[in-house]
Amino acid sequence: MRKSKAETTETIRKLIVIARTHFNSNGYADTALESIVHEANLTRGAVYHHFRNKKELFRIVLEDVQREVAEKVELEASTSEDVWQQLYLGCRAFIMAAVEERNRRIMLIDGPAILGWDVWREMDKIHSMRLLRGQLEIMQSQGYFRTAPLDALTHFISGGLNETALWLANESSRSNALDEAMKVLTVFLEGFKQSTFHSSDAR
């Protein structure tokens, strides 16, 4: 009997949720597709109907993680009406979400290693970087930093956030590493804010 579109969507969602748990707990290399199939109570053929192989399933899981991180960034930034605070809260939320235990291994360790940096960066561009660029574009249009090229600024800040998250992923045993990262984020954005006010007629 042929499944309805809703049933197919539900099956795919179920596979993603289960696979995410396995990839997070065991890592990509030690995750067996058969284990995911068994837990989902599906046949191997049913899984291959939706995903060509384990790598493609992992790619979909990583995209799910990237989407979730971006949602947290957007939600956190929206809690303030001040554009500078929105920028800070969004950047902070990205780092915090990326290094969460349920995201860290998939997004920061296995993601770049298994799929390559080109794929990883494209996902980041679609999700979190898109939000960052949108925030900076709003701020630029309001005259906060007219002299800063938007694309270069977006990549500069995004690169710093990504590198910080990657650093933290490998410094998980250091209890003060996250606090240090947040202090640096505050120093950078405060310095950037002050320099823009001194170099332009922005309010």
C-alpha atoms as a PDB file:
ATOM      1  CA  MET A   1       0.000   0.000   0.000  1.00  0.00           C
ATOM      2  CA  ARG A   2       1.377   3.366  -1.008  1.00  0.00           C
ATOM      3  CA  LYS A   3       2.050   5.824   1.814  1.00  0.00           C
ATOM      4  CA  SER A   4       0.492   9.268   1.862  1.00  0.00           C
ATOM      5  CA  LYS A   5       2.681  12.366   1.673  1.00  0.00           C
ATOM      6  CA  ALA A   6       2.110  13.011   5.383  1.00  0.00           C
ATOM      7  CA  GLU A   7       3.170   9.469   6.275  1.00  0.00           C
ATOM      8  CA  THR A   8       6.285   9.753   4.136  1.00  0.00           C
ATOM      9  CA  THR A   9       7.188  13.067   5.768  1.00  0.00           C
ATOM     10  CA  GLU A  10       6.682  11.521   9.197  1.00  0.00           C
ATOM     11  CA  THR A  11       8.898   8.539   8.298  1.00  0.00           C
ATOM     12  CA  ILE A  12      11.696  10.827   7.106  1.00  0.00           C
ATOM     13  CA  ARG A  13      11.397  12.962  10.227  1.00  0.00           C
ATOM     14  CA  LYS A  14      11.550   9.865  12.412  1.00  0.00           C
ATOM     15  CA  LEU A  15      14.702   8.675  10.661  1.00  0.00           C
ATOM     16  CA  ILE A  16      16.361  12.068  11.074  1.00  0.00           C
ATOM     17  CA  VAL A  17      15.594  12.198  14.805  1.00  0.00           C
ATOM     18  CA  ILE A  18      16.861   8.666  15.415  1.00  0.00           C
ATOM     19  CA  ALA A  19      19.924   9.129  13.212  1.00  0.00           C
ATOM     20  CA  ARG A  20      20.777  12.383  14.969  1.00  0.00           C
ATOM     21  CA  THR A  21      20.820  10.569  18.314  1.00  0.00           C
ATOM     22  CA  HIS A  22      23.098   7.840  16.953  1.00  0.00           C
ATOM     23  CA  PHE A  23      25.478  10.230  15.171  1.00  0.00           C
ATOM     24  CA  ASN A  24      25.700  12.381  18.279  1.00  0.00           C
ATOM     25  CA  SER A  25      26.306   9.483  20.677  1.00  0.00           C
ATOM     26  CA  ASN A  26      28.562   7.303  18.562  1.00  0.00           C
ATOM     27  CA  GLY A  27      30.029   9.574  15.930  1.00  0.00           C
ATOM     28  CA  TYR A  28      29.665   9.080  12.196  1.00  0.00           C
ATOM     29  CA  ALA A  29      32.292   6.340  11.863  1.00  0.00           C
ATOM     30  CA  ASP A  30      30.832   4.166  14.623  1.00  0.00           C
ATOM     31  CA  THR A  31      27.189   4.597  13.667  1.00  0.00           C
ATOM     32  CA  ALA A  32      25.750   1.602  11.836  1.00  0.00           C
ATOM     33  CA  LEU A  33      22.892   2.238   9.438  1.00  0.00           C
ATOM     34  CA  GLU A  34      21.428  -1.107  10.532  1.00  0.00           C
ATOM     35  CA  SER A  35      21.046   0.228  14.087  1.00  0.00           C
ATOM     36  CA  ILE A  36      19.089   3.231  12.855  1.00  0.00           C
ATOM     37  CA  VAL A  37      16.931   1.003  10.674  1.00  0.00           C
ATOM     38  CA  HIS A  38      16.222  -1.318  13.587  1.00  0.00           C
ATOM     39  CA  GLU A  39      15.267   1.468  15.995  1.00  0.00           C
ATOM     40  CA  ALA A  40      13.024   3.073  13.378  1.00  0.00           C
ATOM     41  CA  ASN A  41      11.328  -0.317  12.846  1.00  0.00           C
ATOM     42  CA  LEU A  42      11.863  -0.081   9.100  1.00  0.00           C
ATOM     43  CA  THR A  43      13.472  -2.259   6.480  1.00  0.00           C
ATOM     44  CA  ARG A  44      16.835  -1.325   5.007  1.00  0.00           C
ATOM     45  CA  GLY A  45      15.127  -0.957   1.646  1.00  0.00           C
ATOM     46  CA  ALA A  46      12.689   1.564   3.093  1.00  0.00           C
ATOM     47  CA  VAL A  47      15.577   3.682   4.351  1.00  0.00           C
ATOM     48  CA  TYR A  48      17.349   3.526   0.996  1.00  0.00           C
ATOM     49  CA  HIS A  49      14.128   4.695  -0.600  1.00  0.00           C
ATOM     50  CA  HIS A  50      14.643   8.040   1.138  1.00  0.00           C
ATOM     51  CA  PHE A  51      18.447   8.207   1.504  1.00  0.00           C
ATOM     52  CA  ARG A  52      21.050   6.770  -0.849  1.00  0.00           C
ATOM     53  CA  ASN A  53      23.483   5.916   1.936  1.00  0.00           C
ATOM     54  CA  LYS A  54      24.639   6.767   5.452  1.00  0.00           C
ATOM     55  CA  LYS A  55      26.533   9.822   4.250  1.00  0.00           C
ATOM     56  CA  GLU A  56      23.440  11.350   2.676  1.00  0.00           C
ATOM     57  CA  LEU A  57      21.461  10.679   5.848  1.00  0.00           C
ATOM     58  CA  PHE A  58      24.206  12.390   7.838  1.00  0.00           C
ATOM     59  CA  ARG A  59      24.089  15.390   5.498  1.00  0.00           C
ATOM     60  CA  ILE A  60      20.366  15.771   6.137  1.00  0.00           C
ATOM     61  CA  VAL A  61      20.945  15.456   9.885  1.00  0.00           C
ATOM     62  CA  LEU A  62      23.647  18.147   9.773  1.00  0.00           C
ATOM     63  CA  GLU A  63      21.327  20.448   7.859  1.00  0.00           C
ATOM     64  CA  ASP A  64      18.693  19.834  10.525  1.00  0.00           C
ATOM     65  CA  VAL A  65      21.201  20.833  13.196  1.00  0.00           C
ATOM     66  CA  GLN A  66      22.231  23.944  11.246  1.00  0.00           C
ATOM     67  CA  ARG A  67      18.573  24.934  10.875  1.00  0.00           C
ATOM     68  CA  GLU A  68      17.924  24.470  14.578  1.00  0.00           C
ATOM     69  CA  VAL A  69      20.955  26.556  15.522  1.00  0.00           C
ATOM     70  CA  ALA A  70      19.778  29.351  13.209  1.00  0.00           C
ATOM     71  CA  GLU A  71      16.332  29.276  14.810  1.00  0.00           C
ATOM     72  CA  LYS A  72      17.914  29.730  18.234  1.00  0.00           C
ATOM     73  CA  VAL A  73      19.984  32.632  16.925  1.00  0.00           C
ATOM     74  CA  GLU A  74      16.898  34.337  15.525  1.00  0.00           C
ATOM     75  CA  LEU A  75      14.860  33.709  18.662  1.00  0.00           C
ATOM     76  CA  GLU A  76      17.533  35.026  21.014  1.00  0.00           C
ATOM     77  CA  ALA A  77      18.220  38.129  18.924  1.00  0.00           C
ATOM     78  CA  SER A  78      14.508  38.961  18.860  1.00  0.00           C
ATOM     79  CA  THR A  79      14.403  39.361  22.646  1.00  0.00           C
ATOM     80  CA  SER A  80      15.876  42.857  22.359  1.00  0.00           C
ATOM     81  CA  GLU A  81      14.815  45.932  20.396  1.00  0.00           C
ATOM     82  CA  ASP A  82      18.302  47.437  20.410  1.00  0.00           C
ATOM     83  CA  VAL A  83      20.161  46.568  17.197  1.00  0.00           C
ATOM     84  CA  TRP A  84      23.575  46.294  18.881  1.00  0.00           C
ATOM     85  CA  GLN A  85      22.159  44.030  21.551  1.00  0.00           C
ATOM     86  CA  GLN A  86      20.450  41.964  18.854  1.00  0.00           C
ATOM     87  CA  LEU A  87      23.812  41.496  17.153  1.00  0.00           C
ATOM     88  CA  TYR A  88      25.492  40.460  20.403  1.00  0.00           C
ATOM     89  CA  LEU A  89      22.672  38.108  21.433  1.00  0.00           C
ATOM     90  CA  GLY A  90      22.603  36.484  17.992  1.00  0.00           C
ATOM     91  CA  CYS A  91      26.372  35.922  17.967  1.00  0.00           C
ATOM     92  CA  ARG A  92      26.291  34.587  21.515  1.00  0.00           C
ATOM     93  CA  ALA A  93      23.373  32.278  20.713  1.00  0.00           C
ATOM     94  CA  PHE A  94      25.234  30.841  17.724  1.00  0.00           C
ATOM     95  CA  ILE A  95      28.246  29.891  19.821  1.00  0.00           C
ATOM     96  CA  MET A  96      26.134  28.520  22.662  1.00  0.00           C
ATOM     97  CA  ALA A  97      23.935  26.448  20.346  1.00  0.00           C
ATOM     98  CA  ALA A  98      26.848  25.139  18.276  1.00  0.00           C
ATOM     99  CA  VAL A  99      28.664  23.775  21.315  1.00  0.00           C
ATOM    100  CA  GLU A 100      25.590  22.204  22.913  1.00  0.00           C
ATOM    101  CA  GLU A 101      26.184  18.531  23.564  1.00  0.00           C
ATOM    102  CA  ARG A 102      23.452  17.487  21.140  1.00  0.00           C
ATOM    103  CA  ASN A 103      24.958  19.585  18.334  1.00  0.00           C
ATOM    104  CA  ARG A 104      28.694  19.808  18.936  1.00  0.00           C
ATOM    105  CA  ARG A 105      29.876  16.505  17.498  1.00  0.00           C
ATOM    106  CA  ILE A 106      27.644  16.558  14.441  1.00  0.00           C
ATOM    107  CA  MET A 107      28.088  20.229  13.567  1.00  0.00           C
ATOM    108  CA  LEU A 108      31.664  20.965  14.562  1.00  0.00           C
ATOM    109  CA  ILE A 109      33.581  17.691  14.477  1.00  0.00           C
ATOM    110  CA  ASP A 110      32.069  15.162  12.059  1.00  0.00           C
ATOM    111  CA  GLY A 111      30.285  17.644   9.798  1.00  0.00           C
ATOM    112  CA  PRO A 112      33.362  19.289   8.257  1.00  0.00           C
ATOM    113  CA  ALA A 113      35.352  16.024   8.327  1.00  0.00           C
ATOM    114  CA  ILE A 114      32.751  13.854   6.599  1.00  0.00           C
ATOM    115  CA  LEU A 115      31.107  16.272   4.180  1.00  0.00           C
ATOM    116  CA  GLY A 116      33.950  18.730   3.605  1.00  0.00           C
ATOM    117  CA  TRP A 117      34.217  22.442   4.283  1.00  0.00           C
ATOM    118  CA  ASP A 118      32.492  23.504   1.061  1.00  0.00           C
ATOM    119  CA  VAL A 119      29.281  21.709   2.018  1.00  0.00           C
ATOM    120  CA  TRP A 120      29.542  22.859   5.636  1.00  0.00           C
ATOM    121  CA  ARG A 121      30.042  26.501   4.685  1.00  0.00           C
ATOM    122  CA  GLU A 122      27.162  26.419   2.208  1.00  0.00           C
ATOM    123  CA  MET A 123      24.830  25.200   4.947  1.00  0.00           C
ATOM    124  CA  ASP A 124      26.128  27.859   7.309  1.00  0.00           C
ATOM    125  CA  LYS A 125      25.608  30.497   4.616  1.00  0.00           C
ATOM    126  CA  ILE A 126      21.991  29.444   4.121  1.00  0.00           C
ATOM    127  CA  HIS A 127      21.176  29.416   7.816  1.00  0.00           C
ATOM    128  CA  SER A 128      23.173  31.338  10.456  1.00  0.00           C
ATOM    129  CA  MET A 129      25.245  33.523   8.132  1.00  0.00           C
ATOM    130  CA  ARG A 130      22.071  34.626   6.357  1.00  0.00           C
ATOM    131  CA  LEU A 131      20.679  35.917   9.658  1.00  0.00           C
ATOM    132  CA  LEU A 132      23.949  37.660  10.513  1.00  0.00           C
ATOM    133  CA  ARG A 133      24.046  39.387   7.143  1.00  0.00           C
ATOM    134  CA  GLY A 134      20.430  40.452   7.526  1.00  0.00           C
ATOM    135  CA  GLN A 135      21.148  42.022  10.921  1.00  0.00           C
ATOM    136  CA  LEU A 136      24.228  43.817   9.636  1.00  0.00           C
ATOM    137  CA  GLU A 137      22.312  45.033   6.594  1.00  0.00           C
ATOM    138  CA  ILE A 138      19.641  46.558   8.837  1.00  0.00           C
ATOM    139  CA  MET A 139      22.285  48.241  10.955  1.00  0.00           C
ATOM    140  CA  GLN A 140      24.134  49.547   7.917  1.00  0.00           C
ATOM    141  CA  SER A 141      20.927  50.935   6.407  1.00  0.00           C
ATOM    142  CA  GLN A 142      20.330  52.816   9.665  1.00  0.00           C
ATOM    143  CA  GLY A 143      23.786  54.386   9.451  1.00  0.00           C
ATOM    144  CA  TYR A 144      25.606  52.463  12.157  1.00  0.00           C
ATOM    145  CA  PHE A 145      28.622  51.571  10.004  1.00  0.00           C
ATOM    146  CA  ARG A 146      28.402  53.116   6.572  1.00  0.00           C
ATOM    147  CA  THR A 147      32.104  52.670   5.862  1.00  0.00           C
ATOM    148  CA  ALA A 148      32.225  48.883   6.473  1.00  0.00           C
ATOM    149  CA  PRO A 149      31.745  46.701   3.346  1.00  0.00           C
ATOM    150  CA  LEU A 150      28.788  44.446   4.186  1.00  0.00           C
ATOM    151  CA  ASP A 151      29.964  41.193   2.600  1.00  0.00           C
ATOM    152  CA  ALA A 152      33.457  41.447   4.051  1.00  0.00           C
ATOM    153  CA  LEU A 153      32.076  42.312   7.477  1.00  0.00           C
ATOM    154  CA  THR A 154      29.635  39.390   7.398  1.00  0.00           C
ATOM    155  CA  HIS A 155      32.371  36.893   6.506  1.00  0.00           C
ATOM    156  CA  PHE A 156      34.758  38.391   9.053  1.00  0.00           C
ATOM    157  CA  ILE A 157      32.332  38.063  11.952  1.00  0.00           C
ATOM    158  CA  SER A 158      30.944  34.725  10.782  1.00  0.00           C
ATOM    159  CA  GLY A 159      34.442  33.318  10.394  1.00  0.00           C
ATOM    160  CA  GLY A 160      35.320  34.416  13.896  1.00  0.00           C
ATOM    161  CA  LEU A 161      32.182  32.827  15.342  1.00  0.00           C
ATOM    162  CA  ASN A 162      32.768  29.569  13.486  1.00  0.00           C
ATOM    163  CA  GLU A 163      36.407  29.381  14.521  1.00  0.00           C
ATOM    164  CA  THR A 164      35.467  30.131  18.128  1.00  0.00           C
ATOM    165  CA  ALA A 165      32.862  27.363  18.112  1.00  0.00           C
ATOM    166  CA  LEU A 166      35.365  24.923  16.600  1.00  0.00           C
ATOM    167  CA  TRP A 167      37.922  25.895  19.226  1.00  0.00           C
ATOM    168  CA  LEU A 168      35.405  25.366  22.012  1.00  0.00           C
ATOM    169  CA  ALA A 169      34.464  21.965  20.593  1.00  0.00           C
ATOM    170  CA  ASN A 170      38.021  20.858  21.242  1.00  0.00           C
ATOM    171  CA  GLU A 171      38.315  22.620  24.588  1.00  0.00           C
ATOM    172  CA  SER A 172      35.269  21.012  26.218  1.00  0.00           C
ATOM    173  CA  SER A 173      37.357  19.872  29.190  1.00  0.00           C
ATOM    174  CA  ARG A 174      38.234  23.473  30.065  1.00  0.00           C
ATOM    175  CA  SER A 175      35.469  24.864  32.248  1.00  0.00           C
ATOM    176  CA  ASN A 176      36.441  28.494  31.621  1.00  0.00           C
ATOM    177  CA  ALA A 177      36.844  28.313  27.820  1.00  0.00           C
ATOM    178  CA  LEU A 178      33.247  29.358  27.108  1.00  0.00           C
ATOM    179  CA  ASP A 179      33.479  32.297  29.515  1.00  0.00           C
ATOM    180  CA  GLU A 180      36.692  33.405  27.822  1.00  0.00           C
ATOM    181  CA  ALA A 181      35.035  33.235  24.406  1.00  0.00           C
ATOM    182  CA  MET A 182      32.094  35.336  25.564  1.00  0.00           C
ATOM    183  CA  LYS A 183      34.406  37.956  27.063  1.00  0.00           C
ATOM    184  CA  VAL A 184      36.250  38.237  23.758  1.00  0.00           C
ATOM    185  CA  LEU A 185      32.939  38.510  21.866  1.00  0.00           C
ATOM    186  CA  THR A 186      31.887  41.373  24.159  1.00  0.00           C
ATOM    187  CA  VAL A 187      35.228  43.145  23.779  1.00  0.00           C
ATOM    188  CA  PHE A 188      35.141  42.840  19.982  1.00  0.00           C
ATOM    189  CA  LEU A 189      31.577  44.082  19.539  1.00  0.00           C
ATOM    190  CA  GLU A 190      32.007  46.907  22.059  1.00  0.00           C
ATOM    191  CA  GLY A 191      35.188  47.991  20.294  1.00  0.00           C
ATOM    192  CA  PHE A 192      33.484  47.798  16.906  1.00  0.00           C
ATOM    193  CA  LYS A 193      30.546  49.802  18.228  1.00  0.00           C
ATOM    194  CA  GLN A 194      32.786  52.556  19.600  1.00  0.00           C
ATOM    195  CA  SER A 195      34.856  52.759  16.423  1.00  0.00           C
ATOM    196  CA  THR A 196      31.759  53.178  14.262  1.00  0.00           C
ATOM    197  CA  PHE A 197      30.485  56.032  16.385  1.00  0.00           C
ATOM    198  CA  HIS A 198      33.862  57.777  16.208  1.00  0.00           C
ATOM    199  CA  SER A 199      34.263  57.334  12.458  1.00  0.00           C
ATOM    200  CA  SER A 200      30.794  58.282  11.244  1.00  0.00           C
ATOM    201  CA  ASP A 201      27.891  60.515  12.066  1.00  0.00           C
ATOM    202  CA  ALA A 202      25.742  57.576  13.118  1.00  0.00           C
ATOM    203  CA  ARG A 203      23.600  58.134  16.136  1.00  0.00           C
END
